[in-house]
C-alpha atoms as a PDB file:
ATOM      1  CA  UNK A   1     -11.385 -30.445  -9.386  1.00  0.00           C
ATOM      2  CA  UNK A   2      -9.933 -27.313 -11.387  1.00  0.00           C
ATOM      3  CA  UNK A   3      -8.331 -24.376 -10.337  1.00  0.00           C
ATOM      4  CA  UNK A   4     -11.564 -22.577 -11.392  1.00  0.00           C
ATOM      5  CA  UNK A   5     -13.877 -24.703  -8.980  1.00  0.00           C
ATOM      6  CA  UNK A   6     -11.612 -24.512  -6.615  1.00  0.00           C
ATOM      7  CA  UNK A   7     -12.237 -20.798  -6.641  1.00  0.00           C
ATOM      8  CA  UNK A   8     -16.041 -21.102  -7.109  1.00  0.00           C
ATOM      9  CA  UNK A   9     -16.136 -22.775  -4.364  1.00  0.00           C
ATOM     10  CA  UNK A  10     -14.264 -21.299  -2.225  1.00  0.00           C
ATOM     11  CA  UNK A  11     -16.561 -18.274  -3.148  1.00  0.00           C
ATOM     12  CA  UNK A  12     -19.461 -19.957  -2.553  1.00  0.00           C
ATOM     13  CA  UNK A  13     -18.850 -21.016   0.967  1.00  0.00           C
ATOM     14  CA  UNK A  14     -17.848 -17.232   1.569  1.00  0.00           C
ATOM     15  CA  UNK A  15     -20.999 -15.966   0.422  1.00  0.00           C
ATOM     16  CA  UNK A  16     -23.173 -18.919   2.670  1.00  0.00           C
ATOM     17  CA  UNK A  17     -20.673 -17.823   5.589  1.00  0.00           C
ATOM     18  CA  UNK A  18     -21.023 -14.223   5.277  1.00  0.00           C
ATOM     19  CA  UNK A  19     -24.738 -14.727   5.032  1.00  0.00           C
ATOM     20  CA  UNK A  20     -25.096 -16.672   7.852  1.00  0.00           C
ATOM     21  CA  UNK A  21     -23.446 -14.346  10.034  1.00  0.00           C
ATOM     22  CA  UNK A  22     -25.228 -11.446   8.953  1.00  0.00           C
ATOM     23  CA  UNK A  23     -28.594 -12.923   8.829  1.00  0.00           C
ATOM     24  CA  UNK A  24     -29.586 -12.313  12.442  1.00  0.00           C
ATOM     25  CA  UNK A  25     -28.852  -8.803  12.350  1.00  0.00           C
ATOM     26  CA  UNK A  26     -31.224  -8.408   9.291  1.00  0.00           C
ATOM     27  CA  UNK A  27     -34.009 -10.745  10.486  1.00  0.00           C
ATOM     28  CA  UNK A  28     -34.388  -9.314  14.035  1.00  0.00           C
ATOM     29  CA  UNK A  29     -33.745  -5.396  13.011  1.00  0.00           C
ATOM     30  CA  UNK A  30     -36.899  -3.968  13.747  1.00  0.00           C
ATOM     31  CA  UNK A  31     -38.598  -6.206  16.115  1.00  0.00           C
ATOM     32  CA  UNK A  32     -36.557  -8.272  19.837  1.00  0.00           C
ATOM     33  CA  UNK A  33     -35.694 -11.966  19.198  1.00  0.00           C
ATOM     34  CA  UNK A  34     -37.289 -14.794  20.238  1.00  0.00           C
ATOM     35  CA  UNK A  35     -36.935 -16.196  23.530  1.00  0.00           C
ATOM     36  CA  UNK A  36     -35.096 -18.968  22.299  1.00  0.00           C
ATOM     37  CA  UNK A  37     -32.362 -17.253  20.966  1.00  0.00           C
ATOM     38  CA  UNK A  38     -32.100 -15.140  24.002  1.00  0.00           C
ATOM     39  CA  UNK A  39     -31.123 -18.567  25.598  1.00  0.00           C
ATOM     40  CA  UNK A  40     -28.810 -19.586  23.458  1.00  0.00           C
ATOM     41  CA  UNK A  41     -26.802 -16.186  23.071  1.00  0.00           C
ATOM     42  CA  UNK A  42     -26.802 -16.505  26.915  1.00  0.00           C
ATOM     43  CA  UNK A  43     -25.982 -19.936  27.603  1.00  0.00           C
ATOM     44  CA  UNK A  44     -24.009 -21.411  24.561  1.00  0.00           C
ATOM     45  CA  UNK A  45     -20.417 -20.684  26.019  1.00  0.00           C
ATOM     46  CA  UNK A  46     -21.512 -22.301  28.998  1.00  0.00           C
ATOM     47  CA  UNK A  47     -22.753 -25.453  26.667  1.00  0.00           C
ATOM     48  CA  UNK A  48     -19.534 -25.200  24.824  1.00  0.00           C
ATOM     49  CA  UNK A  49     -17.673 -25.558  28.216  1.00  0.00           C
ATOM     50  CA  UNK A  50     -19.551 -28.822  29.072  1.00  0.00           C
ATOM     51  CA  UNK A  51     -19.255 -30.153  25.862  1.00  0.00           C
ATOM     52  CA  UNK A  52     -14.851 -30.107  25.564  1.00  0.00           C
ATOM     53  CA  UNK A  53     -15.192 -31.245  29.539  1.00  0.00           C
ATOM     54  CA  UNK A  54     -16.550 -34.279  28.509  1.00  0.00           C
ATOM     55  CA  UNK A  55     -14.928 -34.589  25.347  1.00  0.00           C
ATOM     56  CA  UNK A  56     -11.360 -34.283  27.576  1.00  0.00           C
ATOM     57  CA  UNK A  57     -12.272 -36.838  29.931  1.00  0.00           C
ATOM     58  CA  UNK A  58     -14.763 -39.454  27.906  1.00  0.00           C
ATOM     59  CA  UNK A  59     -11.600 -41.639  26.988  1.00  0.00           C
ATOM     60  CA  UNK A  60      -9.454 -41.729  31.026  1.00  0.00           C
ATOM     61  CA  UNK A  61      -7.973 -45.228  31.950  1.00  0.00           C
ATOM     62  CA  UNK A  62      -7.319 -44.311  35.180  1.00  0.00           C
ATOM     63  CA  UNK A  63      -4.938 -47.554  35.414  1.00  0.00           C
ATOM     64  CA  UNK A  64      -2.732 -46.452  32.497  1.00  0.00           C
ATOM     65  CA  UNK A  65       0.157 -44.209  33.065  1.00  0.00           C
ATOM     66  CA  UNK A  66      -0.249 -40.980  33.052  1.00  0.00           C
ATOM     67  CA  UNK A  67      -3.568 -41.821  34.766  1.00  0.00           C
ATOM     68  CA  UNK A  68      -5.745 -38.565  33.752  1.00  0.00           C
ATOM     69  CA  UNK A  69      -2.906 -36.437  34.466  1.00  0.00           C
ATOM     70  CA  UNK A  70      -3.530 -34.566  31.731  1.00  0.00           C
ATOM     71  CA  UNK A  71      -7.200 -34.228  31.359  1.00  0.00           C
ATOM     72  CA  UNK A  72      -7.588 -33.756  34.963  1.00  0.00           C
ATOM     73  CA  UNK A  73      -5.420 -30.930  35.239  1.00  0.00           C
ATOM     74  CA  UNK A  74      -6.583 -29.190  32.127  1.00  0.00           C
ATOM     75  CA  UNK A  75      -9.643 -29.447  33.189  1.00  0.00           C
ATOM     76  CA  UNK A  76      -8.682 -27.961  36.548  1.00  0.00           C
ATOM     77  CA  UNK A  77      -6.582 -25.228  35.152  1.00  0.00           C
ATOM     78  CA  UNK A  78      -9.941 -24.156  32.557  1.00  0.00           C
ATOM     79  CA  UNK A  79     -11.591 -23.922  36.118  1.00  0.00           C
ATOM     80  CA  UNK A  80      -8.873 -21.904  37.344  1.00  0.00           C
ATOM     81  CA  UNK A  81      -9.039 -19.375  34.416  1.00  0.00           C
ATOM     82  CA  UNK A  82     -12.738 -19.033  34.267  1.00  0.00           C
ATOM     83  CA  UNK A  83     -12.854 -18.085  37.959  1.00  0.00           C
ATOM     84  CA  UNK A  84     -10.197 -15.786  38.078  1.00  0.00           C
ATOM     85  CA  UNK A  85     -10.474 -14.034  34.783  1.00  0.00           C
ATOM     86  CA  UNK A  86     -14.240 -14.509  33.795  1.00  0.00           C
ATOM     87  CA  UNK A  87     -14.378 -14.818  30.057  1.00  0.00           C
ATOM     88  CA  UNK A  88     -15.869 -17.545  28.674  1.00  0.00           C
ATOM     89  CA  UNK A  89     -13.512 -16.891  25.252  1.00  0.00           C
ATOM     90  CA  UNK A  90     -10.307 -16.850  27.388  1.00  0.00           C
ATOM     91  CA  UNK A  91     -11.293 -20.176  29.206  1.00  0.00           C
ATOM     92  CA  UNK A  92     -12.188 -21.716  26.085  1.00  0.00           C
ATOM     93  CA  UNK A  93      -9.168 -21.031  23.973  1.00  0.00           C
ATOM     94  CA  UNK A  94      -6.311 -21.258  27.644  1.00  0.00           C
ATOM     95  CA  UNK A  95      -8.079 -24.414  28.609  1.00  0.00           C
ATOM     96  CA  UNK A  96      -7.409 -25.712  25.297  1.00  0.00           C
ATOM     97  CA  UNK A  97      -4.352 -24.804  24.202  1.00  0.00           C
ATOM     98  CA  UNK A  98      -3.060 -26.519  27.715  1.00  0.00           C
ATOM     99  CA  UNK A  99      -4.287 -29.234  27.131  1.00  0.00           C
ATOM    100  CA  UNK A 100      -3.077 -29.685  24.075  1.00  0.00           C
ATOM    101  CA  UNK A 101       0.581 -28.852  24.849  1.00  0.00           C
ATOM    102  CA  UNK A 102       0.355 -31.326  27.714  1.00  0.00           C
ATOM    103  CA  UNK A 103      -0.762 -33.866  25.186  1.00  0.00           C
ATOM    104  CA  UNK A 104       2.357 -33.055  22.899  1.00  0.00           C
ATOM    105  CA  UNK A 105       4.481 -33.162  26.149  1.00  0.00           C
ATOM    106  CA  UNK A 106       3.529 -35.761  28.281  1.00  0.00           C
ATOM    107  CA  UNK A 107       3.876 -39.248  26.965  1.00  0.00           C
END
């Protein structure tokens, strides 16, 4: 790819990203959103948390050192964050950062 093609690709991706963000506001400006959108808005953060927990716990081998210590402790830390702060965004990012730090520092 040449330089101009890269800039065009970046521009197209930026426009598509912008319109996917703006489209719901334009589409639902005069009417109430459907129940499926309300459901997604209400439960999507919890669904993301469950997906992250499953991803974290899927490859645990309790018979091998460190016996799942990183994964289990990061799930507990994330649960603690969420129960104390009650903010999905902080819980997701805080738990992910905690898990990544453990992955880097525990062999």
